[in-house]
Amino acid sequence: MPLIKLYFTPALLLLMLSCPLWQLSQSLPMMRNGPMTDSCVLYGRTLLQNITVALSEKEMFHAINCTEQSVELNMETNTPSVCAPKESTCSGIAKSEFDQESCLTEIEKDLRHYYKFLTAQPDPSKLLDKIVLSSLREFMENCFTWSLSADLTSKQAAVERDSTFEERLNLCKVLKGFHIRTITINRVIGYMNSGEHAK
């Protein structure tokens, strides 16, 4: 038993000391031209993990094997090309500079697009809200406070009916696209958090 107390005490002390710092970092909004905060990196990862969980949720995609479906990406934004790191040649065009302002604007457009789509989906079991929408709202509120407007801050009422097969199929495809876009967003946030974009 004394051995457990030795391990438990430092862990408890570390937790006590880090909590006030964690609360401070959570309350700071992301600066448009400043570095991306560690808490925003965490919010982005949480969103990605929750989308991954949602895609495997059998109740949400009843009678559909979501892994076998195609992907529907948001083609109204240019997040992958605008947010490509400087000196990157992934898109076939070498970028000499990284424009953080334009990149954040594209990410905002993506987050708004998916938020509006997901809140319009039938969600009688509230799984979509619990798994994806709550983490998406947290990410937007804590890291993109400038992007929230009245239509996003007021929680939209989900449709209380069961979804049709076509609606579930469409949700699966769009959620797979959101998963891919969230991977891109997480890479960009990690890039901005590292400070490499400012060098």
N, C-alpha and C. Protein backbone atom coordinates (compact mmCIF):
# COMPACT_ATOMS: atom_id res chain seq x y z
N MET A 1 0.80 -1.20 0.00
CA MET A 1 0.00 0.00 0.00
C MET A 1 0.85 1.27 0.00
N PRO A 2 1.99 1.35 0.75
CA PRO A 2 2.80 2.56 0.73
C PRO A 2 3.34 2.87 -0.67
N LEU A 3 3.60 1.82 -1.46
CA LEU A 3 4.11 2.03 -2.81
C LEU A 3 3.07 2.75 -3.67
N ILE A 4 1.81 2.42 -3.51
CA ILE A 4 0.73 3.06 -4.25
C ILE A 4 0.64 4.54 -3.87
N LYS A 5 0.79 4.83 -2.58
CA LYS A 5 0.74 6.22 -2.14
C LYS A 5 1.86 7.04 -2.75
N LEU A 6 3.04 6.44 -2.93
CA LEU A 6 4.17 7.15 -3.53
C LEU A 6 3.89 7.51 -4.98
N TYR A 7 3.23 6.62 -5.70
CA TYR A 7 2.90 6.91 -7.09
C TYR A 7 1.72 7.86 -7.19
N PHE A 8 0.77 7.70 -6.28
CA PHE A 8 -0.45 8.48 -6.32
C PHE A 8 -0.19 9.95 -5.97
N THR A 9 0.66 10.21 -4.99
CA THR A 9 0.91 11.57 -4.54
C THR A 9 1.50 12.46 -5.63
N PRO A 10 2.55 12.04 -6.34
CA PRO A 10 3.07 12.91 -7.41
C PRO A 10 2.05 13.12 -8.53
N ALA A 11 1.29 12.09 -8.83
CA ALA A 11 0.27 12.23 -9.89
C ALA A 11 -0.80 13.22 -9.47
N LEU A 12 -1.21 13.16 -8.20
CA LEU A 12 -2.21 14.09 -7.69
C LEU A 12 -1.66 15.52 -7.67
N LEU A 13 -0.41 15.67 -7.26
CA LEU A 13 0.23 16.98 -7.25
C LEU A 13 0.32 17.56 -8.66
N LEU A 14 0.71 16.73 -9.62
CA LEU A 14 0.80 17.17 -11.01
C LEU A 14 -0.57 17.60 -11.52
N LEU A 15 -1.59 16.84 -11.20
CA LEU A 15 -2.94 17.18 -11.61
C LEU A 15 -3.40 18.50 -11.00
N MET A 16 -3.12 18.69 -9.71
CA MET A 16 -3.50 19.93 -9.04
C MET A 16 -2.82 21.15 -9.66
N LEU A 17 -1.55 21.00 -9.98
CA LEU A 17 -0.80 22.13 -10.53
C LEU A 17 -1.17 22.43 -11.97
N SER A 18 -1.55 21.42 -12.72
CA SER A 18 -1.85 21.64 -14.13
C SER A 18 -3.28 22.12 -14.36
N CYS A 19 -4.20 21.86 -13.45
CA CYS A 19 -5.59 22.27 -13.65
C CYS A 19 -5.77 23.77 -13.82
N PRO A 20 -5.18 24.62 -12.96
CA PRO A 20 -5.35 26.06 -13.18
C PRO A 20 -4.77 26.51 -14.52
N LEU A 21 -3.66 25.91 -14.93
CA LEU A 21 -3.08 26.27 -16.24
C LEU A 21 -3.99 25.82 -17.36
N TRP A 22 -4.59 24.63 -17.20
CA TRP A 22 -5.49 24.11 -18.22
C TRP A 22 -6.71 25.03 -18.36
N GLN A 23 -7.28 25.48 -17.24
CA GLN A 23 -8.43 26.36 -17.29
C GLN A 23 -8.09 27.68 -17.98
N LEU A 24 -6.89 28.20 -17.71
CA LEU A 24 -6.47 29.44 -18.34
C LEU A 24 -6.33 29.26 -19.84
N SER A 25 -5.73 28.14 -20.26
CA SER A 25 -5.52 27.93 -21.69
C SER A 25 -6.84 27.70 -22.41
N GLN A 26 -7.83 27.13 -21.72
CA GLN A 26 -9.13 26.90 -22.35
C GLN A 26 -9.88 28.20 -22.57
N SER A 27 -9.67 29.17 -21.73
CA SER A 27 -10.46 30.39 -21.83
C SER A 27 -9.91 31.39 -22.83
N LEU A 28 -8.73 31.15 -23.34
CA LEU A 28 -8.14 32.09 -24.29
C LEU A 28 -8.57 31.75 -25.71
N PRO A 29 -9.18 32.68 -26.44
CA PRO A 29 -9.54 32.39 -27.82
C PRO A 29 -8.30 32.40 -28.71
N MET A 30 -8.39 31.71 -29.83
CA MET A 30 -7.28 31.66 -30.75
C MET A 30 -7.10 33.02 -31.42
N MET A 31 -5.87 33.45 -31.53
CA MET A 31 -5.57 34.72 -32.18
C MET A 31 -5.39 34.47 -33.68
N ARG A 32 -5.92 35.35 -34.51
CA ARG A 32 -5.86 35.17 -35.95
C ARG A 32 -4.42 35.11 -36.47
N ASN A 33 -3.53 35.93 -35.93
CA ASN A 33 -2.17 35.94 -36.42
C ASN A 33 -1.18 35.33 -35.44
N GLY A 34 -1.64 34.94 -34.28
CA GLY A 34 -0.78 34.36 -33.27
C GLY A 34 -0.68 32.85 -33.43
N PRO A 35 0.05 32.22 -32.52
CA PRO A 35 0.19 30.77 -32.59
C PRO A 35 -1.09 30.06 -32.18
N MET A 36 -1.26 28.86 -32.67
CA MET A 36 -2.39 28.02 -32.31
C MET A 36 -2.10 27.45 -30.92
N THR A 37 -3.08 27.51 -30.03
CA THR A 37 -2.85 27.05 -28.66
C THR A 37 -2.88 25.52 -28.57
N ASP A 38 -2.25 25.01 -27.50
CA ASP A 38 -2.27 23.57 -27.26
C ASP A 38 -3.68 23.06 -27.05
N SER A 39 -4.52 23.87 -26.41
CA SER A 39 -5.89 23.41 -26.18
C SER A 39 -6.65 23.28 -27.50
N CYS A 40 -6.36 24.11 -28.49
CA CYS A 40 -7.01 23.98 -29.79
C CYS A 40 -6.57 22.69 -30.49
N VAL A 41 -5.31 22.33 -30.31
CA VAL A 41 -4.82 21.05 -30.84
C VAL A 41 -5.62 19.92 -30.22
N LEU A 42 -5.85 20.00 -28.91
CA LEU A 42 -6.62 18.98 -28.20
C LEU A 42 -8.07 18.94 -28.67
N TYR A 43 -8.70 20.10 -28.84
CA TYR A 43 -10.08 20.14 -29.33
C TYR A 43 -10.18 19.54 -30.73
N GLY A 44 -9.21 19.82 -31.58
CA GLY A 44 -9.20 19.26 -32.93
C GLY A 44 -9.06 17.75 -32.91
N ARG A 45 -8.18 17.24 -32.07
CA ARG A 45 -8.00 15.78 -31.95
C ARG A 45 -9.26 15.11 -31.42
N THR A 46 -9.88 15.75 -30.43
CA THR A 46 -11.11 15.20 -29.86
C THR A 46 -12.20 15.13 -30.93
N LEU A 47 -12.34 16.17 -31.72
CA LEU A 47 -13.33 16.16 -32.80
C LEU A 47 -13.04 15.01 -33.77
N LEU A 48 -11.79 14.84 -34.16
CA LEU A 48 -11.42 13.76 -35.08
C LEU A 48 -11.75 12.40 -34.47
N GLN A 49 -11.41 12.19 -33.21
CA GLN A 49 -11.71 10.92 -32.55
C GLN A 49 -13.22 10.68 -32.49
N ASN A 50 -13.98 11.71 -32.20
CA ASN A 50 -15.43 11.56 -32.10
C ASN A 50 -16.08 11.27 -33.45
N ILE A 51 -15.56 11.85 -34.51
CA ILE A 51 -16.08 11.53 -35.85
C ILE A 51 -15.77 10.08 -36.17
N THR A 52 -14.59 9.62 -35.81
CA THR A 52 -14.20 8.22 -36.03
C THR A 52 -15.16 7.29 -35.29
N VAL A 53 -15.49 7.63 -34.05
CA VAL A 53 -16.43 6.83 -33.26
C VAL A 53 -17.81 6.84 -33.93
N ALA A 54 -18.26 8.01 -34.36
CA ALA A 54 -19.58 8.14 -34.99
C ALA A 54 -19.68 7.28 -36.25
N LEU A 55 -18.61 7.23 -37.03
CA LEU A 55 -18.64 6.44 -38.26
C LEU A 55 -18.80 4.94 -38.00
N SER A 56 -18.44 4.49 -36.80
CA SER A 56 -18.58 3.07 -36.47
C SER A 56 -19.85 2.80 -35.66
N GLU A 57 -20.66 3.81 -35.45
CA GLU A 57 -21.89 3.69 -34.65
C GLU A 57 -22.98 3.00 -35.48
N LYS A 58 -23.27 1.75 -35.13
CA LYS A 58 -24.25 0.95 -35.88
C LYS A 58 -25.67 1.52 -35.80
N GLU A 59 -26.03 2.06 -34.65
CA GLU A 59 -27.38 2.61 -34.49
C GLU A 59 -27.61 3.82 -35.41
N MET A 60 -26.57 4.59 -35.64
CA MET A 60 -26.70 5.78 -36.48
C MET A 60 -26.84 5.42 -37.96
N PHE A 61 -26.22 4.29 -38.36
CA PHE A 61 -26.23 3.90 -39.77
C PHE A 61 -26.89 2.53 -39.95
N HIS A 62 -28.03 2.35 -39.32
CA HIS A 62 -28.77 1.09 -39.39
C HIS A 62 -28.97 0.66 -40.85
N ALA A 63 -28.61 -0.60 -41.15
CA ALA A 63 -28.76 -1.21 -42.47
C ALA A 63 -27.78 -0.68 -43.51
N ILE A 64 -26.74 0.05 -43.06
CA ILE A 64 -25.73 0.57 -44.00
C ILE A 64 -24.35 0.20 -43.47
N ASN A 65 -23.52 -0.34 -44.35
CA ASN A 65 -22.13 -0.56 -44.00
C ASN A 65 -21.39 0.70 -44.43
N CYS A 66 -21.19 1.59 -43.50
CA CYS A 66 -20.65 2.91 -43.81
C CYS A 66 -19.23 2.84 -44.37
N THR A 67 -18.45 1.84 -43.96
CA THR A 67 -17.06 1.75 -44.44
C THR A 67 -16.99 1.48 -45.94
N GLU A 68 -18.04 0.89 -46.50
CA GLU A 68 -18.05 0.58 -47.93
C GLU A 68 -18.59 1.71 -48.80
N GLN A 69 -19.05 2.78 -48.19
CA GLN A 69 -19.66 3.87 -48.94
C GLN A 69 -18.61 4.85 -49.45
N SER A 70 -18.98 5.60 -50.47
CA SER A 70 -18.09 6.62 -51.02
C SER A 70 -18.03 7.83 -50.09
N VAL A 71 -17.16 8.76 -50.41
CA VAL A 71 -16.94 9.95 -49.59
C VAL A 71 -17.51 11.16 -50.31
N GLU A 72 -18.15 12.05 -49.55
CA GLU A 72 -18.64 13.30 -50.11
C GLU A 72 -17.94 14.45 -49.39
N LEU A 73 -16.99 15.08 -50.08
CA LEU A 73 -16.23 16.19 -49.51
C LEU A 73 -16.91 17.52 -49.77
N ASN A 74 -16.66 18.48 -48.90
CA ASN A 74 -17.13 19.85 -49.12
C ASN A 74 -16.22 20.47 -50.17
N MET A 75 -16.74 20.70 -51.36
CA MET A 75 -15.93 21.24 -52.45
C MET A 75 -16.07 22.76 -52.56
N GLU A 76 -16.78 23.38 -51.62
CA GLU A 76 -16.97 24.83 -51.65
C GLU A 76 -15.80 25.57 -51.01
N THR A 77 -14.89 24.84 -50.38
CA THR A 77 -13.74 25.47 -49.74
C THR A 77 -12.45 24.96 -50.38
N ASN A 78 -11.38 25.68 -50.10
CA ASN A 78 -10.05 25.31 -50.61
C ASN A 78 -9.07 25.05 -49.48
N THR A 79 -9.56 24.51 -48.39
CA THR A 79 -8.74 24.32 -47.20
C THR A 79 -7.43 23.57 -47.48
N PRO A 80 -7.44 22.43 -48.20
CA PRO A 80 -6.19 21.72 -48.40
C PRO A 80 -5.12 22.54 -49.15
N SER A 81 -5.52 23.28 -50.17
CA SER A 81 -4.52 24.05 -50.93
C SER A 81 -4.14 25.35 -50.23
N VAL A 82 -5.10 26.05 -49.65
CA VAL A 82 -4.82 27.32 -48.97
C VAL A 82 -3.99 27.08 -47.71
N CYS A 83 -4.21 25.97 -47.04
CA CYS A 83 -3.53 25.68 -45.78
C CYS A 83 -2.28 24.82 -45.95
N ALA A 84 -1.85 24.59 -47.16
CA ALA A 84 -0.63 23.81 -47.38
C ALA A 84 0.56 24.55 -46.78
N PRO A 85 1.46 23.83 -46.12
CA PRO A 85 2.63 24.49 -45.52
C PRO A 85 3.49 25.18 -46.58
N LYS A 86 4.22 26.22 -46.15
CA LYS A 86 5.09 26.90 -47.11
C LYS A 86 6.19 25.93 -47.52
N GLU A 87 6.67 26.13 -48.72
CA GLU A 87 7.66 25.24 -49.35
C GLU A 87 7.07 23.87 -49.69
N SER A 88 5.76 23.72 -49.58
CA SER A 88 5.10 22.46 -49.89
C SER A 88 4.87 22.35 -51.39
N THR A 89 5.05 21.14 -51.92
CA THR A 89 4.78 20.90 -53.34
C THR A 89 3.72 19.82 -53.51
N CYS A 90 2.95 19.55 -52.46
CA CYS A 90 1.94 18.49 -52.50
C CYS A 90 0.91 18.71 -53.60
N SER A 91 0.48 19.93 -53.80
CA SER A 91 -0.54 20.22 -54.80
C SER A 91 0.06 20.42 -56.19
N GLY A 92 1.36 20.24 -56.32
CA GLY A 92 2.01 20.43 -57.60
C GLY A 92 2.49 21.86 -57.80
N ILE A 93 2.09 22.77 -56.92
CA ILE A 93 2.49 24.16 -57.00
C ILE A 93 3.28 24.48 -55.73
N ALA A 94 4.48 24.98 -55.89
CA ALA A 94 5.30 25.33 -54.73
C ALA A 94 4.79 26.63 -54.11
N LYS A 95 4.50 26.58 -52.82
CA LYS A 95 4.05 27.77 -52.09
C LYS A 95 5.24 28.36 -51.36
N SER A 96 5.46 29.65 -51.52
CA SER A 96 6.59 30.27 -50.84
C SER A 96 6.20 30.82 -49.48
N GLU A 97 4.91 31.10 -49.26
CA GLU A 97 4.45 31.66 -47.99
C GLU A 97 3.21 30.92 -47.50
N PHE A 98 2.99 31.01 -46.20
CA PHE A 98 1.80 30.45 -45.57
C PHE A 98 0.95 31.62 -45.09
N ASP A 99 -0.28 31.71 -45.58
CA ASP A 99 -1.18 32.80 -45.21
C ASP A 99 -2.15 32.29 -44.13
N GLN A 100 -1.81 32.54 -42.87
CA GLN A 100 -2.60 32.04 -41.75
C GLN A 100 -4.02 32.59 -41.78
N GLU A 101 -4.20 33.85 -42.10
CA GLU A 101 -5.52 34.46 -42.15
C GLU A 101 -6.43 33.75 -43.15
N SER A 102 -5.93 33.52 -44.35
CA SER A 102 -6.72 32.83 -45.39
C SER A 102 -7.01 31.39 -44.99
N CYS A 103 -6.02 30.75 -44.40
CA CYS A 103 -6.18 29.37 -43.96
C CYS A 103 -7.29 29.26 -42.91
N LEU A 104 -7.26 30.13 -41.91
CA LEU A 104 -8.27 30.10 -40.85
C LEU A 104 -9.66 30.42 -41.40
N THR A 105 -9.73 31.27 -42.40
CA THR A 105 -11.00 31.58 -43.03
C THR A 105 -11.57 30.34 -43.72
N GLU A 106 -10.72 29.60 -44.40
CA GLU A 106 -11.16 28.36 -45.07
C GLU A 106 -11.60 27.31 -44.05
N ILE A 107 -10.86 27.19 -42.96
CA ILE A 107 -11.24 26.23 -41.91
C ILE A 107 -12.60 26.63 -41.33
N GLU A 108 -12.78 27.92 -41.09
CA GLU A 108 -14.07 28.41 -40.58
C GLU A 108 -15.20 28.04 -41.53
N LYS A 109 -15.00 28.23 -42.82
CA LYS A 109 -16.04 27.89 -43.80
C LYS A 109 -16.37 26.40 -43.73
N ASP A 110 -15.34 25.57 -43.61
CA ASP A 110 -15.57 24.13 -43.49
C ASP A 110 -16.37 23.80 -42.24
N LEU A 111 -15.97 24.34 -41.11
CA LEU A 111 -16.64 24.03 -39.85
C LEU A 111 -18.10 24.49 -39.89
N ARG A 112 -18.34 25.66 -40.46
CA ARG A 112 -19.72 26.16 -40.59
C ARG A 112 -20.55 25.24 -41.50
N HIS A 113 -19.97 24.85 -42.62
CA HIS A 113 -20.67 23.97 -43.56
C HIS A 113 -21.11 22.67 -42.88
N TYR A 114 -20.16 22.00 -42.22
CA TYR A 114 -20.48 20.73 -41.59
C TYR A 114 -21.41 20.90 -40.40
N TYR A 115 -21.26 21.99 -39.66
CA TYR A 115 -22.15 22.24 -38.53
C TYR A 115 -23.59 22.40 -39.02
N LYS A 116 -23.77 23.20 -40.04
CA LYS A 116 -25.13 23.41 -40.58
C LYS A 116 -25.72 22.12 -41.13
N PHE A 117 -24.91 21.33 -41.82
CA PHE A 117 -25.40 20.06 -42.36
C PHE A 117 -25.80 19.12 -41.24
N LEU A 118 -24.92 18.95 -40.25
CA LEU A 118 -25.16 17.98 -39.19
C LEU A 118 -26.34 18.37 -38.30
N THR A 119 -26.53 19.66 -38.04
CA THR A 119 -27.66 20.07 -37.20
C THR A 119 -28.99 19.89 -37.92
N ALA A 120 -28.98 19.78 -39.22
CA ALA A 120 -30.22 19.60 -39.98
C ALA A 120 -30.62 18.13 -40.11
N GLN A 121 -29.78 17.22 -39.61
CA GLN A 121 -30.06 15.79 -39.75
C GLN A 121 -31.01 15.29 -38.66
N PRO A 122 -31.90 14.34 -39.02
CA PRO A 122 -32.74 13.72 -37.99
C PRO A 122 -31.83 13.02 -36.97
N ASP A 123 -32.08 13.24 -35.69
CA ASP A 123 -31.23 12.67 -34.65
C ASP A 123 -32.08 12.33 -33.42
N PRO A 124 -33.07 11.42 -33.58
CA PRO A 124 -33.98 11.14 -32.46
C PRO A 124 -33.27 10.53 -31.26
N SER A 125 -32.20 9.78 -31.46
CA SER A 125 -31.48 9.17 -30.34
C SER A 125 -30.42 10.10 -29.76
N LYS A 126 -30.23 11.26 -30.39
CA LYS A 126 -29.26 12.29 -29.96
C LYS A 126 -27.81 11.80 -30.02
N LEU A 127 -27.56 10.73 -30.77
CA LEU A 127 -26.19 10.22 -30.90
C LEU A 127 -25.30 11.19 -31.65
N LEU A 128 -25.81 11.75 -32.72
CA LEU A 128 -25.02 12.69 -33.51
C LEU A 128 -24.65 13.91 -32.68
N ASP A 129 -25.60 14.39 -31.89
CA ASP A 129 -25.34 15.55 -31.04
C ASP A 129 -24.31 15.21 -29.96
N LYS A 130 -24.48 14.08 -29.31
CA LYS A 130 -23.57 13.69 -28.22
C LYS A 130 -22.16 13.40 -28.72
N ILE A 131 -22.06 12.75 -29.85
CA ILE A 131 -20.74 12.29 -30.31
C ILE A 131 -20.02 13.36 -31.12
N VAL A 132 -20.66 13.95 -32.12
CA VAL A 132 -19.95 14.85 -33.03
C VAL A 132 -20.26 16.32 -32.78
N LEU A 133 -21.53 16.69 -32.74
CA LEU A 133 -21.89 18.11 -32.65
C LEU A 133 -21.37 18.78 -31.38
N SER A 134 -21.39 18.09 -30.27
CA SER A 134 -20.90 18.71 -29.03
C SER A 134 -19.41 19.04 -29.13
N SER A 135 -18.61 18.12 -29.69
CA SER A 135 -17.16 18.41 -29.82
C SER A 135 -16.90 19.44 -30.91
N LEU A 136 -17.73 19.48 -31.95
CA LEU A 136 -17.59 20.49 -32.99
C LEU A 136 -17.90 21.88 -32.41
N ARG A 137 -18.97 21.98 -31.62
CA ARG A 137 -19.29 23.25 -30.97
C ARG A 137 -18.18 23.70 -30.04
N GLU A 138 -17.64 22.78 -29.24
CA GLU A 138 -16.53 23.13 -28.33
C GLU A 138 -15.32 23.64 -29.11
N PHE A 139 -15.00 22.98 -30.19
CA PHE A 139 -13.86 23.37 -31.02
C PHE A 139 -14.07 24.78 -31.57
N MET A 140 -15.27 25.04 -32.11
CA MET A 140 -15.57 26.35 -32.68
C MET A 140 -15.61 27.44 -31.61
N GLU A 141 -16.24 27.14 -30.49
CA GLU A 141 -16.38 28.15 -29.43
C GLU A 141 -15.05 28.50 -28.78
N ASN A 142 -14.18 27.51 -28.61
CA ASN A 142 -12.92 27.74 -27.89
C ASN A 142 -11.75 28.13 -28.78
N CYS A 143 -11.83 27.82 -30.04
CA CYS A 143 -10.69 28.09 -30.93
C CYS A 143 -11.03 29.03 -32.08
N PHE A 144 -12.29 29.19 -32.37
CA PHE A 144 -12.72 30.04 -33.47
C PHE A 144 -13.87 30.92 -33.01
N THR A 145 -13.71 31.61 -31.90
CA THR A 145 -14.80 32.41 -31.35
C THR A 145 -15.29 33.46 -32.33
N TRP A 146 -14.42 33.93 -33.19
CA TRP A 146 -14.80 34.92 -34.19
C TRP A 146 -15.71 34.34 -35.24
N SER A 147 -15.82 33.01 -35.33
CA SER A 147 -16.64 32.41 -36.38
C SER A 147 -18.07 32.15 -35.94
N LEU A 148 -18.35 32.25 -34.64
CA LEU A 148 -19.69 31.93 -34.17
C LEU A 148 -20.62 33.13 -34.33
N SER A 149 -21.73 32.88 -34.94
CA SER A 149 -22.75 33.92 -35.08
C SER A 149 -24.02 33.41 -34.41
N ALA A 150 -25.04 34.20 -34.43
CA ALA A 150 -26.29 33.85 -33.75
C ALA A 150 -26.86 32.52 -34.24
N ASP A 151 -26.72 32.24 -35.54
CA ASP A 151 -27.30 31.00 -36.06
C ASP A 151 -26.53 29.78 -35.58
N LEU A 152 -25.27 29.93 -35.20
CA LEU A 152 -24.50 28.80 -34.72
C LEU A 152 -24.55 28.67 -33.20
N THR A 153 -24.65 29.77 -32.49
CA THR A 153 -24.66 29.69 -31.04
C THR A 153 -25.99 29.20 -30.50
N SER A 154 -27.07 29.50 -31.19
CA SER A 154 -28.35 28.96 -30.74
C SER A 154 -28.43 27.52 -31.22
N LYS A 155 -28.63 26.63 -30.28
CA LYS A 155 -28.65 25.21 -30.61
C LYS A 155 -29.89 24.92 -31.45
N GLN A 156 -29.66 24.43 -32.65
CA GLN A 156 -30.79 24.15 -33.53
C GLN A 156 -31.47 22.86 -33.08
N ALA A 157 -32.78 22.86 -33.15
CA ALA A 157 -33.55 21.69 -32.74
C ALA A 157 -33.42 20.60 -33.81
N ALA A 158 -32.96 19.45 -33.38
CA ALA A 158 -32.83 18.33 -34.30
C ALA A 158 -34.22 17.79 -34.64
N VAL A 159 -34.34 17.27 -35.84
CA VAL A 159 -35.61 16.70 -36.27
C VAL A 159 -35.88 15.46 -35.41
N GLU A 160 -37.08 15.36 -34.89
CA GLU A 160 -37.42 14.30 -33.94
C GLU A 160 -37.95 13.02 -34.59
N ARG A 161 -37.83 12.88 -35.86
CA ARG A 161 -38.32 11.67 -36.52
C ARG A 161 -37.13 10.76 -36.86
N ASP A 162 -37.42 9.52 -37.17
CA ASP A 162 -36.36 8.60 -37.61
C ASP A 162 -35.88 9.01 -38.99
N SER A 163 -34.64 8.74 -39.26
CA SER A 163 -34.09 9.09 -40.57
C SER A 163 -34.42 8.01 -41.59
N THR A 164 -34.53 8.42 -42.84
CA THR A 164 -34.77 7.47 -43.92
C THR A 164 -33.45 6.82 -44.31
N PHE A 165 -33.52 5.77 -45.10
CA PHE A 165 -32.31 5.10 -45.57
C PHE A 165 -31.44 6.08 -46.35
N GLU A 166 -32.04 6.87 -47.23
CA GLU A 166 -31.29 7.84 -48.03
C GLU A 166 -30.61 8.90 -47.16
N GLU A 167 -31.30 9.36 -46.11
CA GLU A 167 -30.70 10.34 -45.20
C GLU A 167 -29.51 9.75 -44.45
N ARG A 168 -29.65 8.49 -44.00
CA ARG A 168 -28.53 7.83 -43.31
C ARG A 168 -27.36 7.61 -44.25
N LEU A 169 -27.65 7.23 -45.48
CA LEU A 169 -26.61 7.02 -46.48
C LEU A 169 -25.87 8.33 -46.77
N ASN A 170 -26.62 9.40 -46.95
CA ASN A 170 -26.03 10.71 -47.20
C ASN A 170 -25.20 11.17 -45.99
N LEU A 171 -25.72 10.97 -44.78
CA LEU A 171 -24.99 11.32 -43.56
C LEU A 171 -23.67 10.56 -43.50
N CYS A 172 -23.70 9.28 -43.82
CA CYS A 172 -22.49 8.47 -43.82
C CYS A 172 -21.45 9.06 -44.76
N LYS A 173 -21.84 9.37 -45.97
CA LYS A 173 -20.91 9.90 -46.98
C LYS A 173 -20.34 11.26 -46.58
N VAL A 174 -21.21 12.13 -46.08
CA VAL A 174 -20.76 13.47 -45.67
C VAL A 174 -19.88 13.38 -44.43
N LEU A 175 -20.23 12.52 -43.49
CA LEU A 175 -19.42 12.35 -42.28
C LEU A 175 -18.04 11.79 -42.62
N LYS A 176 -17.97 10.92 -43.62
CA LYS A 176 -16.66 10.42 -44.07
C LYS A 176 -15.84 11.56 -44.68
N GLY A 177 -16.51 12.45 -45.42
CA GLY A 177 -15.82 13.62 -45.96
C GLY A 177 -15.36 14.55 -44.86
N PHE A 178 -16.19 14.73 -43.83
CA PHE A 178 -15.83 15.57 -42.69
C PHE A 178 -14.64 14.96 -41.95
N HIS A 179 -14.61 13.64 -41.88
CA HIS A 179 -13.49 12.94 -41.24
C HIS A 179 -12.18 13.27 -41.97
N ILE A 180 -12.20 13.19 -43.28
CA ILE A 180 -11.01 13.51 -44.08
C ILE A 180 -10.62 14.97 -43.90
N ARG A 181 -11.60 15.87 -43.96
CA ARG A 181 -11.30 17.30 -43.80
C ARG A 181 -10.77 17.60 -42.39
N THR A 182 -11.28 16.89 -41.38
CA THR A 182 -10.81 17.09 -40.01
C THR A 182 -9.37 16.62 -39.85
N ILE A 183 -8.98 15.59 -40.57
CA ILE A 183 -7.57 15.17 -40.57
C ILE A 183 -6.72 16.32 -41.11
N THR A 184 -7.15 16.92 -42.21
CA THR A 184 -6.43 18.06 -42.78
C THR A 184 -6.36 19.22 -41.79
N ILE A 185 -7.50 19.54 -41.16
CA ILE A 185 -7.54 20.63 -40.19
C ILE A 185 -6.61 20.35 -39.02
N ASN A 186 -6.58 19.11 -38.55
CA ASN A 186 -5.68 18.75 -37.45
C ASN A 186 -4.22 18.91 -37.84
N ARG A 187 -3.88 18.55 -39.04
CA ARG A 187 -2.49 18.72 -39.51
C ARG A 187 -2.13 20.20 -39.58
N VAL A 188 -3.05 21.01 -40.05
CA VAL A 188 -2.81 22.45 -40.15
C VAL A 188 -2.66 23.06 -38.76
N ILE A 189 -3.53 22.68 -37.85
CA ILE A 189 -3.46 23.20 -36.48
C ILE A 189 -2.14 22.80 -35.83
N GLY A 190 -1.72 21.57 -36.05
CA GLY A 190 -0.43 21.12 -35.54
C GLY A 190 0.72 21.91 -36.13
N TYR A 191 0.63 22.21 -37.42
CA TYR A 191 1.64 23.02 -38.12
C TYR A 191 1.70 24.42 -37.52
N MET A 192 0.53 25.03 -37.31
CA MET A 192 0.51 26.39 -36.74
C MET A 192 0.95 26.37 -35.28
N ASN A 193 0.61 25.30 -34.54
CA ASN A 193 1.01 25.19 -33.15
C ASN A 193 2.52 25.05 -33.01
N SER A 194 3.14 24.37 -33.98
CA SER A 194 4.59 24.17 -33.92
C SER A 194 5.37 25.46 -34.16
N GLY A 195 4.74 26.43 -34.81
CA GLY A 195 5.43 27.69 -35.12
C GLY A 195 6.21 27.63 -36.41
N GLU A 196 6.19 26.50 -37.11
CA GLU A 196 6.94 26.35 -38.36
C GLU A 196 6.46 27.32 -39.43
N HIS A 197 5.19 27.67 -39.40
CA HIS A 197 4.63 28.56 -40.43
C HIS A 197 5.19 29.98 -40.33
N ALA A 198 5.69 30.34 -39.14
CA ALA A 198 6.19 31.71 -38.93
C ALA A 198 7.68 31.86 -39.22
N LYS A 199 8.36 30.75 -39.50
CA LYS A 199 9.80 30.80 -39.72
C LYS A 199 10.13 31.27 -41.12
